[in-house]
C-alpha atoms as a PDB file:
ATOM      1  CA  MET A   1     -20.173  -9.705  24.064  1.00  0.00           C
ATOM      2  CA  PRO A   2     -19.603  -6.981  21.469  1.00  0.00           C
ATOM      3  CA  ALA A   3     -21.630  -3.801  21.500  1.00  0.00           C
ATOM      4  CA  PRO A   4     -24.851  -4.030  19.456  1.00  0.00           C
ATOM      5  CA  ASP A   5     -23.913  -1.036  17.276  1.00  0.00           C
ATOM      6  CA  PHE A   6     -20.765   0.338  15.686  1.00  0.00           C
ATOM      7  CA  ARG A   7     -19.570   3.568  14.083  1.00  0.00           C
ATOM      8  CA  CYS A   8     -18.241   3.624  10.539  1.00  0.00           C
ATOM      9  CA  TYR A   9     -17.487   5.863   7.568  1.00  0.00           C
ATOM     10  CA  LEU A  10     -20.359   5.123   5.199  1.00  0.00           C
ATOM     11  CA  VAL A  11     -20.488   5.932   1.482  1.00  0.00           C
ATOM     12  CA  GLU A  12     -23.984   6.087   0.011  1.00  0.00           C
ATOM     13  CA  ARG A  13     -25.433   6.638  -3.458  1.00  0.00           C
ATOM     14  CA  SER A  14     -28.836   8.190  -4.019  1.00  0.00           C
ATOM     15  CA  ASP A  15     -31.343   7.139  -6.655  1.00  0.00           C
ATOM     16  CA  ASP A  16     -30.015   9.888  -8.933  1.00  0.00           C
ATOM     17  CA  LYS A  17     -26.466   8.453  -8.436  1.00  0.00           C
ATOM     18  CA  LYS A  18     -25.139  11.256  -6.247  1.00  0.00           C
ATOM     19  CA  ILE A  19     -22.470  10.119  -3.762  1.00  0.00           C
ATOM     20  CA  SER A  20     -22.563  11.195  -0.123  1.00  0.00           C
ATOM     21  CA  ASN A  21     -20.491  10.292   2.940  1.00  0.00           C
ATOM     22  CA  ARG A  22     -21.279  10.303   6.635  1.00  0.00           C
ATOM     23  CA  ILE A  23     -20.275   8.843   9.964  1.00  0.00           C
ATOM     24  CA  ALA A  24     -23.000   6.289  10.593  1.00  0.00           C
ATOM     25  CA  VAL A  25     -24.046   4.052  13.483  1.00  0.00           C
ATOM     26  CA  LEU A  26     -25.104   0.605  12.308  1.00  0.00           C
ATOM     27  CA  PRO A  27     -26.085  -2.675  14.005  1.00  0.00           C
ATOM     28  CA  LEU A  28     -23.546  -5.519  13.962  1.00  0.00           C
ATOM     29  CA  SER A  29     -26.095  -7.575  12.064  1.00  0.00           C
ATOM     30  CA  ASP A  30     -25.428  -5.349   9.028  1.00  0.00           C
ATOM     31  CA  LEU A  31     -21.860  -6.625   8.709  1.00  0.00           C
ATOM     32  CA  PRO A  32     -21.217  -9.072   5.863  1.00  0.00           C
ATOM     33  CA  ALA A  33     -20.800 -12.801   6.360  1.00  0.00           C
ATOM     34  CA  GLY A  34     -17.482 -14.183   7.573  1.00  0.00           C
ATOM     35  CA  GLU A  35     -16.022 -16.536  10.164  1.00  0.00           C
ATOM     36  CA  VAL A  36     -14.246 -13.904  12.277  1.00  0.00           C
ATOM     37  CA  LEU A  37     -15.523 -10.722  13.946  1.00  0.00           C
ATOM     38  CA  ILE A  38     -12.794  -8.208  14.768  1.00  0.00           C
ATOM     39  CA  ARG A  39     -12.809  -5.063  16.860  1.00  0.00           C
ATOM     40  CA  VAL A  40     -10.681  -2.721  14.750  1.00  0.00           C
ATOM     41  CA  ALA A  41      -7.918  -0.696  16.404  1.00  0.00           C
ATOM     42  CA  TYR A  42      -6.336   0.905  13.328  1.00  0.00           C
ATOM     43  CA  SER A  43      -6.775   1.230   9.609  1.00  0.00           C
ATOM     44  CA  SER A  44      -4.828   3.323   7.122  1.00  0.00           C
ATOM     45  CA  LEU A  45      -5.690   5.691   4.309  1.00  0.00           C
ATOM     46  CA  ASN A  46      -4.719   4.720   0.762  1.00  0.00           C
ATOM     47  CA  PHE A  47      -5.488   6.342  -2.581  1.00  0.00           C
ATOM     48  CA  LYS A  48      -7.791   3.414  -3.339  1.00  0.00           C
ATOM     49  CA  ASP A  49      -9.796   4.331  -0.233  1.00  0.00           C
ATOM     50  CA  ALA A  50     -10.175   7.887  -1.528  1.00  0.00           C
ATOM     51  CA  LEU A  51     -11.498   6.445  -4.782  1.00  0.00           C
ATOM     52  CA  ALA A  52     -13.967   4.276  -2.874  1.00  0.00           C
ATOM     53  CA  ALA A  53     -15.101   7.313  -0.864  1.00  0.00           C
ATOM     54  CA  SER A  54     -15.923   9.119  -4.106  1.00  0.00           C
ATOM     55  CA  GLY A  55     -17.870   6.142  -5.433  1.00  0.00           C
ATOM     56  CA  ALA A  56     -15.376   5.379  -8.205  1.00  0.00           C
ATOM     57  CA  PRO A  57     -16.683   2.608 -10.490  1.00  0.00           C
ATOM     58  CA  GLY A  58     -14.915  -0.705  -9.996  1.00  0.00           C
ATOM     59  CA  VAL A  59     -13.830   0.137  -6.429  1.00  0.00           C
ATOM     60  CA  ALA A  60     -17.072   0.666  -4.552  1.00  0.00           C
ATOM     61  CA  ARG A  61     -19.261  -1.719  -6.525  1.00  0.00           C
ATOM     62  CA  THR A  62     -22.353  -1.740  -4.316  1.00  0.00           C
ATOM     63  CA  PHE A  63     -23.835   0.808  -1.915  1.00  0.00           C
ATOM     64  CA  PRO A  64     -23.896   1.571   0.918  1.00  0.00           C
ATOM     65  CA  HIS A  65     -20.154   0.930   1.225  1.00  0.00           C
ATOM     66  CA  ILE A  66     -17.453   1.195   3.908  1.00  0.00           C
ATOM     67  CA  PRO A  67     -13.948   1.884   2.501  1.00  0.00           C
ATOM     68  CA  GLY A  68     -10.677   0.827   4.118  1.00  0.00           C
ATOM     69  CA  ILE A  69      -8.456  -1.795   2.454  1.00  0.00           C
ATOM     70  CA  ASP A  70      -6.434  -2.304   5.665  1.00  0.00           C
ATOM     71  CA  ALA A  71      -7.348  -3.165   9.239  1.00  0.00           C
ATOM     72  CA  SER A  72      -5.727  -4.412  12.426  1.00  0.00           C
ATOM     73  CA  GLY A  73      -7.401  -5.340  15.678  1.00  0.00           C
ATOM     74  CA  LYS A  74      -8.404  -8.153  18.009  1.00  0.00           C
ATOM     75  CA  VAL A  75     -10.696 -11.088  17.442  1.00  0.00           C
ATOM     76  CA  VAL A  76     -14.035 -10.849  19.247  1.00  0.00           C
ATOM     77  CA  GLU A  77     -15.758 -13.934  17.870  1.00  0.00           C
ATOM     78  CA  SER A  78     -14.470 -16.756  15.661  1.00  0.00           C
ATOM     79  CA  ARG A  79     -15.924 -19.809  13.975  1.00  0.00           C
ATOM     80  CA  ASP A  80     -12.465 -20.863  12.803  1.00  0.00           C
ATOM     81  CA  ALA A  81     -10.196 -22.851  15.125  1.00  0.00           C
ATOM     82  CA  ARG A  82      -7.101 -20.948  13.962  1.00  0.00           C
ATOM     83  CA  PHE A  83      -8.296 -17.743  15.658  1.00  0.00           C
ATOM     84  CA  GLN A  84      -9.487 -17.225  19.209  1.00  0.00           C
ATOM     85  CA  PRO A  85     -11.043 -14.218  20.978  1.00  0.00           C
ATOM     86  CA  GLY A  86      -8.289 -11.812  21.977  1.00  0.00           C
ATOM     87  CA  ASP A  87      -5.918 -12.756  19.140  1.00  0.00           C
ATOM     88  CA  ALA A  88      -4.260  -9.766  17.472  1.00  0.00           C
ATOM     89  CA  VAL A  89      -4.619  -9.943  13.695  1.00  0.00           C
ATOM     90  CA  LEU A  90      -4.279  -7.865  10.557  1.00  0.00           C
ATOM     91  CA  VAL A  91      -5.831  -7.960   7.115  1.00  0.00           C
ATOM     92  CA  THR A  92      -4.777  -6.231   3.905  1.00  0.00           C
ATOM     93  CA  GLY A  93      -6.132  -6.692   0.419  1.00  0.00           C
ATOM     94  CA  PHE A  94      -8.389  -9.482  -0.788  1.00  0.00           C
ATOM     95  CA  GLU A  95     -11.815  -7.805  -1.054  1.00  0.00           C
ATOM     96  CA  LEU A  96     -11.577  -5.720   2.128  1.00  0.00           C
ATOM     97  CA  GLY A  97     -12.719  -2.181   1.361  1.00  0.00           C
ATOM     98  CA  ALA A  98     -13.210  -2.983  -2.332  1.00  0.00           C
ATOM     99  CA  PRO A  99     -15.760  -4.419  -2.927  1.00  0.00           C
ATOM    100  CA  ALA A 100     -16.474  -5.810   0.576  1.00  0.00           C
ATOM    101  CA  TRP A 101     -17.025  -3.507   3.557  1.00  0.00           C
ATOM    102  CA  GLY A 102     -13.678  -2.387   4.907  1.00  0.00           C
ATOM    103  CA  GLY A 103     -11.634  -1.097   7.785  1.00  0.00           C
ATOM    104  CA  PHE A 104     -13.092   2.401   8.334  1.00  0.00           C
ATOM    105  CA  SER A 105     -15.322   0.783  10.911  1.00  0.00           C
ATOM    106  CA  GLU A 106     -15.140  -0.083  14.597  1.00  0.00           C
ATOM    107  CA  PHE A 107     -15.911  -3.709  13.701  1.00  0.00           C
ATOM    108  CA  ILE A 108     -15.335  -5.869  10.639  1.00  0.00           C
ATOM    109  CA  ARG A 109     -16.435  -9.420   9.879  1.00  0.00           C
ATOM    110  CA  VAL A 110     -14.233 -11.254   7.374  1.00  0.00           C
ATOM    111  CA  PRO A 111     -13.337 -14.731   6.104  1.00  0.00           C
ATOM    112  CA  ALA A 112     -10.662 -16.391   8.244  1.00  0.00           C
ATOM    113  CA  ASN A 113      -8.503 -16.949   5.145  1.00  0.00           C
ATOM    114  CA  TRP A 114      -7.948 -13.189   4.875  1.00  0.00           C
ATOM    115  CA  LEU A 115      -6.282 -12.923   8.281  1.00  0.00           C
ATOM    116  CA  VAL A 116      -2.607 -12.843   9.274  1.00  0.00           C
ATOM    117  CA  PRO A 117      -1.627 -13.179  12.951  1.00  0.00           C
ATOM    118  CA  LEU A 118       0.078 -10.006  14.119  1.00  0.00           C
ATOM    119  CA  PRO A 119       3.873 -10.561  14.110  1.00  0.00           C
ATOM    120  CA  GLU A 120       5.341 -10.538  17.607  1.00  0.00           C
ATOM    121  CA  ARG A 121       7.573  -7.542  16.945  1.00  0.00           C
ATOM    122  CA  LEU A 122       4.806  -5.310  15.582  1.00  0.00           C
ATOM    123  CA  SER A 123       2.067  -3.403  17.379  1.00  0.00           C
ATOM    124  CA  LEU A 124      -1.375  -3.045  15.826  1.00  0.00           C
ATOM    125  CA  ARG A 125      -0.527   0.578  15.041  1.00  0.00           C
ATOM    126  CA  GLU A 126       2.799  -0.290  13.452  1.00  0.00           C
ATOM    127  CA  SER A 127       1.209  -2.932  11.242  1.00  0.00           C
ATOM    128  CA  MET A 128      -1.008  -0.228   9.766  1.00  0.00           C
ATOM    129  CA  ILE A 129       1.924   2.112   9.145  1.00  0.00           C
ATOM    130  CA  PHE A 130       2.907  -0.660   6.754  1.00  0.00           C
ATOM    131  CA  GLY A 131      -0.588  -1.675   5.628  1.00  0.00           C
ATOM    132  CA  THR A 132      -1.175  -2.429   1.965  1.00  0.00           C
ATOM    133  CA  ALA A 133       1.425   0.180   0.973  1.00  0.00           C
ATOM    134  CA  GLY A 134       4.203  -1.500   2.944  1.00  0.00           C
ATOM    135  CA  PHE A 135       3.080  -4.970   1.953  1.00  0.00           C
ATOM    136  CA  THR A 136       3.166  -3.943  -1.719  1.00  0.00           C
ATOM    137  CA  ALA A 137       6.662  -2.516  -1.298  1.00  0.00           C
ATOM    138  CA  ALA A 138       7.761  -5.702   0.460  1.00  0.00           C
ATOM    139  CA  ILE A 139       6.493  -7.901  -2.395  1.00  0.00           C
ATOM    140  CA  ALA A 140       8.451  -5.733  -4.841  1.00  0.00           C
ATOM    141  CA  ILE A 141      11.604  -6.112  -2.736  1.00  0.00           C
ATOM    142  CA  GLU A 142      11.051  -9.866  -2.548  1.00  0.00           C
ATOM    143  CA  ILE A 143      10.852  -9.953  -6.365  1.00  0.00           C
ATOM    144  CA  LEU A 144      14.078  -7.963  -6.724  1.00  0.00           C
ATOM    145  CA  ARG A 145      15.874 -10.311  -4.357  1.00  0.00           C
ATOM    146  CA  HIS A 146      14.472 -13.354  -6.185  1.00  0.00           C
ATOM    147  CA  GLN A 147      15.951 -11.908  -9.387  1.00  0.00           C
ATOM    148  CA  ASN A 148      19.321 -11.664  -7.592  1.00  0.00           C
ATOM    149  CA  ILE A 149      19.224  -7.853  -7.417  1.00  0.00           C
ATOM    150  CA  LEU A 150      21.373  -7.315  -4.331  1.00  0.00           C
ATOM    151  CA  PRO A 151      22.811  -4.201  -2.633  1.00  0.00           C
ATOM    152  CA  THR A 152      26.019  -4.795  -4.609  1.00  0.00           C
ATOM    153  CA  SER A 153      24.139  -4.855  -7.928  1.00  0.00           C
ATOM    154  CA  GLY A 154      23.752  -1.102  -8.222  1.00  0.00           C
ATOM    155  CA  GLU A 155      21.252   1.671  -7.582  1.00  0.00           C
ATOM    156  CA  ILE A 156      17.519   1.032  -7.178  1.00  0.00           C
ATOM    157  CA  VAL A 157      15.152   3.759  -8.359  1.00  0.00           C
ATOM    158  CA  VAL A 158      11.844   4.299  -6.516  1.00  0.00           C
ATOM    159  CA  THR A 159       9.167   6.477  -8.113  1.00  0.00           C
ATOM    160  CA  GLY A 160       6.316   8.168  -6.297  1.00  0.00           C
ATOM    161  CA  ALA A 161       8.707   8.190  -3.390  1.00  0.00           C
ATOM    162  CA  THR A 162       6.690  10.410  -1.033  1.00  0.00           C
ATOM    163  CA  GLY A 163       3.612   8.192  -1.307  1.00  0.00           C
ATOM    164  CA  GLY A 164       2.898   5.249   0.950  1.00  0.00           C
ATOM    165  CA  VAL A 165       4.436   2.552  -1.253  1.00  0.00           C
ATOM    166  CA  GLY A 166       7.360   4.771  -2.216  1.00  0.00           C
ATOM    167  CA  SER A 167       8.179   5.933   1.314  1.00  0.00           C
ATOM    168  CA  LEU A 168       8.181   2.406   2.682  1.00  0.00           C
ATOM    169  CA  ALA A 169      10.113   1.045  -0.304  1.00  0.00           C
ATOM    170  CA  VAL A 170      12.838   3.666   0.182  1.00  0.00           C
ATOM    171  CA  SER A 171      13.106   3.003   3.915  1.00  0.00           C
ATOM    172  CA  MET A 172      13.074  -0.810   3.666  1.00  0.00           C
ATOM    173  CA  LEU A 173      15.596  -0.864   0.818  1.00  0.00           C
ATOM    174  CA  ALA A 174      17.875   1.475   2.776  1.00  0.00           C
ATOM    175  CA  ARG A 175      17.592  -0.765   5.837  1.00  0.00           C
ATOM    176  CA  LEU A 176      18.716  -3.706   3.690  1.00  0.00           C
ATOM    177  CA  GLY A 177      21.773  -1.792   2.482  1.00  0.00           C
ATOM    178  CA  TYR A 178      20.654  -0.790  -1.016  1.00  0.00           C
ATOM    179  CA  SER A 179      21.600   2.486  -2.658  1.00  0.00           C
ATOM    180  CA  VAL A 180      18.282   4.184  -3.430  1.00  0.00           C
ATOM    181  CA  ALA A 181      17.414   6.976  -5.867  1.00  0.00           C
ATOM    182  CA  ALA A 182      14.076   8.467  -4.796  1.00  0.00           C
ATOM    183  CA  VAL A 183      11.983  10.236  -7.446  1.00  0.00           C
ATOM    184  CA  THR A 184       9.707  13.117  -6.477  1.00  0.00           C
ATOM    185  CA  GLY A 185       8.239  16.250  -7.993  1.00  0.00           C
ATOM    186  CA  LYS A 186       8.125  17.956  -4.602  1.00  0.00           C
ATOM    187  CA  PRO A 187      11.223  20.103  -3.859  1.00  0.00           C
ATOM    188  CA  THR A 188      10.188  20.337  -0.200  1.00  0.00           C
ATOM    189  CA  ALA A 189      10.338  16.533   0.178  1.00  0.00           C
ATOM    190  CA  HIS A 190      14.071  16.074  -0.350  1.00  0.00           C
ATOM    191  CA  ASP A 191      14.987  16.189   3.342  1.00  0.00           C
ATOM    192  CA  TYR A 192      12.142  13.774   4.170  1.00  0.00           C
ATOM    193  CA  LEU A 193      13.374  11.240   1.604  1.00  0.00           C
ATOM    194  CA  ARG A 194      16.986  11.491   2.711  1.00  0.00           C
ATOM    195  CA  LYS A 195      15.848  10.912   6.269  1.00  0.00           C
ATOM    196  CA  LEU A 196      14.151   7.711   5.107  1.00  0.00           C
ATOM    197  CA  GLY A 197      17.458   6.572   3.629  1.00  0.00           C
ATOM    198  CA  ALA A 198      17.499   7.737   0.010  1.00  0.00           C
ATOM    199  CA  THR A 199      21.047   8.057  -1.302  1.00  0.00           C
ATOM    200  CA  THR A 200      19.984  10.513  -3.990  1.00  0.00           C
ATOM    201  CA  VAL A 201      16.781  12.414  -4.729  1.00  0.00           C
ATOM    202  CA  ILE A 202      15.921  13.202  -8.352  1.00  0.00           C
ATOM    203  CA  GLY A 203      13.135  14.990 -10.184  1.00  0.00           C
ATOM    204  CA  ARG A 204      10.452  13.360 -12.272  1.00  0.00           C
ATOM    205  CA  SER A 205      11.953  14.626 -15.513  1.00  0.00           C
ATOM    206  CA  GLU A 206      14.921  12.259 -15.073  1.00  0.00           C
ATOM    207  CA  VAL A 207      12.582   9.279 -15.488  1.00  0.00           C
ATOM    208  CA  ASP A 208      10.297  10.732 -18.150  1.00  0.00           C
ATOM    209  CA  ASN A 209      12.160  10.441 -21.449  1.00  0.00           C
ATOM    210  CA  THR A 210       9.956  11.083 -24.482  1.00  0.00           C
ATOM    211  CA  SER A 211      12.612  10.592 -27.168  1.00  0.00           C
ATOM    212  CA  GLY A 212      11.130   7.303 -28.330  1.00  0.00           C
ATOM    213  CA  LYS A 213      14.551   5.635 -28.329  1.00  0.00           C
ATOM    214  CA  PRO A 214      14.198   1.887 -27.746  1.00  0.00           C
ATOM    215  CA  LEU A 215      17.118   1.884 -25.279  1.00  0.00           C
ATOM    216  CA  LEU A 216      18.576   4.572 -23.020  1.00  0.00           C
ATOM    217  CA  PRO A 217      21.921   4.624 -21.167  1.00  0.00           C
ATOM    218  CA  ALA A 218      21.827   1.926 -18.492  1.00  0.00           C
ATOM    219  CA  ARG A 219      21.459   3.480 -15.050  1.00  0.00           C
ATOM    220  CA  TRP A 220      19.446   1.284 -12.692  1.00  0.00           C
ATOM    221  CA  ALA A 221      19.985  -2.206 -11.303  1.00  0.00           C
ATOM    222  CA  GLY A 222      16.340  -2.358 -10.359  1.00  0.00           C
ATOM    223  CA  ALA A 223      13.232  -0.303  -9.733  1.00  0.00           C
ATOM    224  CA  ILE A 224      10.043  -0.080  -7.727  1.00  0.00           C
ATOM    225  CA  ASP A 225       7.602   1.960  -9.801  1.00  0.00           C
ATOM    226  CA  SER A 226       4.213   3.128  -8.555  1.00  0.00           C
ATOM    227  CA  VAL A 227       3.562   5.550 -11.436  1.00  0.00           C
ATOM    228  CA  GLY A 228       3.334   3.566 -14.673  1.00  0.00           C
ATOM    229  CA  GLY A 229       2.951   5.074 -18.141  1.00  0.00           C
ATOM    230  CA  ASN A 230       5.963   6.731 -19.735  1.00  0.00           C
ATOM    231  CA  THR A 231       7.792   6.806 -16.410  1.00  0.00           C
ATOM    232  CA  LEU A 232       7.747   3.022 -16.273  1.00  0.00           C
ATOM    233  CA  ALA A 233       8.771   2.801 -19.923  1.00  0.00           C
ATOM    234  CA  THR A 234      11.691   5.187 -19.342  1.00  0.00           C
ATOM    235  CA  ILE A 235      12.925   3.153 -16.382  1.00  0.00           C
ATOM    236  CA  VAL A 236      12.733  -0.145 -18.285  1.00  0.00           C
ATOM    237  CA  ARG A 237      14.759   1.397 -21.128  1.00  0.00           C
ATOM    238  CA  SER A 238      17.309   2.683 -18.559  1.00  0.00           C
ATOM    239  CA  THR A 239      17.841  -0.553 -16.643  1.00  0.00           C
ATOM    240  CA  HIS A 240      21.118  -2.472 -16.633  1.00  0.00           C
ATOM    241  CA  ARG A 241      21.560  -5.883 -18.203  1.00  0.00           C
ATOM    242  CA  ALA A 242      19.694  -8.554 -16.188  1.00  0.00           C
ATOM    243  CA  GLY A 243      18.081  -5.849 -14.072  1.00  0.00           C
ATOM    244  CA  CYS A 244      14.546  -6.048 -12.704  1.00  0.00           C
ATOM    245  CA  VAL A 245      11.754  -3.466 -12.707  1.00  0.00           C
ATOM    246  CA  THR A 246       8.680  -3.990 -10.497  1.00  0.00           C
ATOM    247  CA  ALA A 247       5.433  -2.210 -11.339  1.00  0.00           C
ATOM    248  CA  CYS A 248       2.579  -1.559  -8.913  1.00  0.00           C
ATOM    249  CA  GLY A 249       0.839   1.666  -9.998  1.00  0.00           C
ATOM    250  CA  LEU A 250      -0.857   3.460 -12.868  1.00  0.00           C
ATOM    251  CA  VAL A 251      -1.327   7.071 -11.817  1.00  0.00           C
ATOM    252  CA  GLY A 252       0.883   8.078 -14.775  1.00  0.00           C
ATOM    253  CA  GLY A 253      -1.215   6.123 -17.261  1.00  0.00           C
ATOM    254  CA  VAL A 254      -2.019   2.577 -18.333  1.00  0.00           C
ATOM    255  CA  GLU A 255      -0.262   2.650 -21.702  1.00  0.00           C
ATOM    256  CA  LEU A 256       3.323   1.353 -21.889  1.00  0.00           C
ATOM    257  CA  PRO A 257       5.215   2.806 -24.876  1.00  0.00           C
ATOM    258  CA  LEU A 258       7.962   0.198 -25.201  1.00  0.00           C
ATOM    259  CA  SER A 259       9.660  -1.990 -27.757  1.00  0.00           C
ATOM    260  CA  VAL A 260      10.991  -5.442 -26.921  1.00  0.00           C
ATOM    261  CA  HIS A 261      14.604  -4.223 -27.044  1.00  0.00           C
ATOM    262  CA  PRO A 262      15.183  -3.919 -23.265  1.00  0.00           C
ATOM    263  CA  PHE A 263      13.992  -7.497 -22.813  1.00  0.00           C
ATOM    264  CA  ILE A 264      15.837  -9.235 -25.643  1.00  0.00           C
ATOM    265  CA  LEU A 265      19.009  -7.127 -25.733  1.00  0.00           C
ATOM    266  CA  ARG A 266      19.533  -6.518 -22.019  1.00  0.00           C
ATOM    267  CA  GLY A 267      17.500  -9.301 -20.458  1.00  0.00           C
ATOM    268  CA  VAL A 268      15.534  -6.853 -18.327  1.00  0.00           C
ATOM    269  CA  CYS A 269      12.760  -8.383 -16.223  1.00  0.00           C
ATOM    270  CA  LEU A 270       9.477  -6.459 -15.816  1.00  0.00           C
ATOM    271  CA  ALA A 271       7.427  -7.890 -12.938  1.00  0.00           C
ATOM    272  CA  GLY A 272       3.960  -6.836 -11.874  1.00  0.00           C
ATOM    273  CA  VAL A 273       3.045  -6.585  -8.190  1.00  0.00           C
ATOM    274  CA  ASP A 274      -0.434  -7.672  -7.057  1.00  0.00           C
ATOM    275  CA  SER A 275      -0.726  -7.335  -3.306  1.00  0.00           C
ATOM    276  CA  ALA A 276      -4.495  -7.834  -3.041  1.00  0.00           C
ATOM    277  CA  GLU A 277      -4.469 -11.493  -4.080  1.00  0.00           C
ATOM    278  CA  TYR A 278      -1.034 -12.406  -2.759  1.00  0.00           C
ATOM    279  CA  PRO A 279      -1.306 -16.020  -1.488  1.00  0.00           C
ATOM    280  CA  ILE A 280      -2.334 -16.195   2.156  1.00  0.00           C
ATOM    281  CA  GLU A 281       0.087 -19.076   2.836  1.00  0.00           C
ATOM    282  CA  ARG A 282       3.031 -16.782   2.000  1.00  0.00           C
ATOM    283  CA  ARG A 283       1.855 -13.641   3.775  1.00  0.00           C
ATOM    284  CA  ALA A 284       2.990 -14.444   7.314  1.00  0.00           C
ATOM    285  CA  SER A 285       6.559 -15.032   6.154  1.00  0.00           C
ATOM    286  CA  LEU A 286       6.701 -11.692   4.353  1.00  0.00           C
ATOM    287  CA  TRP A 287       5.200  -9.875   7.340  1.00  0.00           C
ATOM    288  CA  SER A 288       7.878 -11.496   9.514  1.00  0.00           C
ATOM    289  CA  HIS A 289      10.544  -9.934   7.273  1.00  0.00           C
ATOM    290  CA  MET A 290       8.797  -6.558   7.538  1.00  0.00           C
ATOM    291  CA  ALA A 291       8.704  -6.792  11.322  1.00  0.00           C
ATOM    292  CA  GLY A 292      12.336  -7.906  11.480  1.00  0.00           C
ATOM    293  CA  ALA A 293      15.299  -7.359   9.177  1.00  0.00           C
ATOM    294  CA  TRP A 294      13.363  -5.251   6.659  1.00  0.00           C
ATOM    295  CA  ARG A 295      11.808  -2.938   9.248  1.00  0.00           C
ATOM    296  CA  PRO A 296      12.620   0.742   8.583  1.00  0.00           C
ATOM    297  CA  ALA A 297      15.013   2.342  11.038  1.00  0.00           C
ATOM    298  CA  ASP A 298      12.327   4.907  11.962  1.00  0.00           C
ATOM    299  CA  LEU A 299       8.891   3.584  11.095  1.00  0.00           C
ATOM    300  CA  GLU A 300       7.105   6.516  12.767  1.00  0.00           C
ATOM    301  CA  ALA A 301       8.905   8.983  10.467  1.00  0.00           C
ATOM    302  CA  ILE A 302       6.636   7.769   7.673  1.00  0.00           C
ATOM    303  CA  VAL A 303       3.435   8.751   9.527  1.00  0.00           C
ATOM    304  CA  ALA A 304       1.965  11.985   8.182  1.00  0.00           C
ATOM    305  CA  ALA A 305      -1.102  11.997  10.430  1.00  0.00           C
ATOM    306  CA  THR A 306      -3.230   9.885  12.743  1.00  0.00           C
ATOM    307  CA  VAL A 307      -6.915  10.720  12.379  1.00  0.00           C
ATOM    308  CA  SER A 308     -10.199   9.649  13.925  1.00  0.00           C
ATOM    309  CA  LEU A 309     -13.293   8.676  11.981  1.00  0.00           C
ATOM    310  CA  ASP A 310     -14.584  12.225  12.396  1.00  0.00           C
ATOM    311  CA  GLU A 311     -11.347  13.647  10.948  1.00  0.00           C
ATOM    312  CA  LEU A 312     -11.272  11.211   8.043  1.00  0.00           C
ATOM    313  CA  PRO A 313     -13.081  13.377   5.424  1.00  0.00           C
ATOM    314  CA  SER A 314     -10.408  16.081   5.483  1.00  0.00           C
ATOM    315  CA  ALA A 315      -7.631  13.460   5.258  1.00  0.00           C
ATOM    316  CA  ILE A 316      -9.361  11.907   2.244  1.00  0.00           C
ATOM    317  CA  ASP A 317      -9.427  15.320   0.570  1.00  0.00           C
ATOM    318  CA  ARG A 318      -5.684  15.689   1.206  1.00  0.00           C
ATOM    319  CA  ILE A 319      -4.722  12.337  -0.300  1.00  0.00           C
ATOM    320  CA  ARG A 320      -7.050  12.891  -3.256  1.00  0.00           C
ATOM    321  CA  GLY A 321      -5.328  16.223  -3.890  1.00  0.00           C
ATOM    322  CA  GLY A 322      -1.828  14.719  -3.717  1.00  0.00           C
ATOM    323  CA  GLN A 323      -1.065  16.610  -0.500  1.00  0.00           C
ATOM    324  CA  MET A 324      -0.238  13.595   1.675  1.00  0.00           C
ATOM    325  CA  GLN A 325       3.412  12.743   2.305  1.00  0.00           C
ATOM    326  CA  GLY A 326       3.925   9.313   3.827  1.00  0.00           C
ATOM    327  CA  ARG A 327       1.155   7.447   5.603  1.00  0.00           C
ATOM    328  CA  ALA A 328      -2.095   8.465   7.293  1.00  0.00           C
ATOM    329  CA  LEU A 329      -3.411   6.180  10.023  1.00  0.00           C
ATOM    330  CA  VAL A 330      -7.036   5.922  11.073  1.00  0.00           C
ATOM    331  CA  GLN A 331      -7.496   5.147  14.753  1.00  0.00           C
ATOM    332  CA  LEU A 332     -10.724   3.379  15.655  1.00  0.00           C
ATOM    333  CA  GLY A 333      -9.858   1.808  19.020  1.00  0.00           C
ATOM    334  CA  ASP A 334      -7.038   0.876  21.382  1.00  0.00           C
ATOM    335  CA  GLU A 335      -4.147  -1.589  21.105  1.00  0.00           C
END
């Protein structure tokens, strides 16, 4: 039987709407409803988790709240025949960590339809190196391939390349044989990105054209953009005929200053990436790709830090301040 109490990273809001965080010990009965109880081994730290920790509206919708949009671990109890005690599973997206209680907790209780069996070639730790960031990158790659953007098509540009999505996109694309241009504003990150497999590393200014021209010289066969705003608009205007641009972020802004010219004169495809609600019936197949042919040559090279619950506050401060390169794992138990 599971322990009667569990430790977690708890976000609370006072009556005067001040946000506070602490490591709390709660009874299992406090966990939300769901068919499957899981003892968590690992989670990962994403920018969305940092937002939840600060009580950002629309992320942490009710309080108290436990952030953590990723989790991997082993089933302890199940009311669903598809999962048995001892099964290794992972969950990313859906409502985990936003708005439902998430993975920064020794135990989670979730609906069975959120769960993916752990692929045979991945450990619980490795699945969280991927996490939502890797899953998002994998969806973007799947879209590019569906649009017939192949390694022979030309160079793929990846923005926000030192972040979680960017780092994993660069490394998975390189593993698949693509030529990758990694975009970063950090001069010290060039060696890191080349180690991941980037063919070239360029500065942000090369994908931030403010001329207002409806079309720019064609440069990219495809793109994985986690920035948005004018960066995304610049890339769309710089994409080859029949190229494809995937968009999964908005840190650079939500406005998209574009005309229709790239779409009707070059046939460029702009595809959004929504990893949270990606259909559960297609998830296992994509995770199998990530564990197999798409797996980065050195998955551990993407890990910036592995922290405990007690070390989590300082890691949250780092990712909120843009000081995190690669992925931060949160260890809550054993494999």
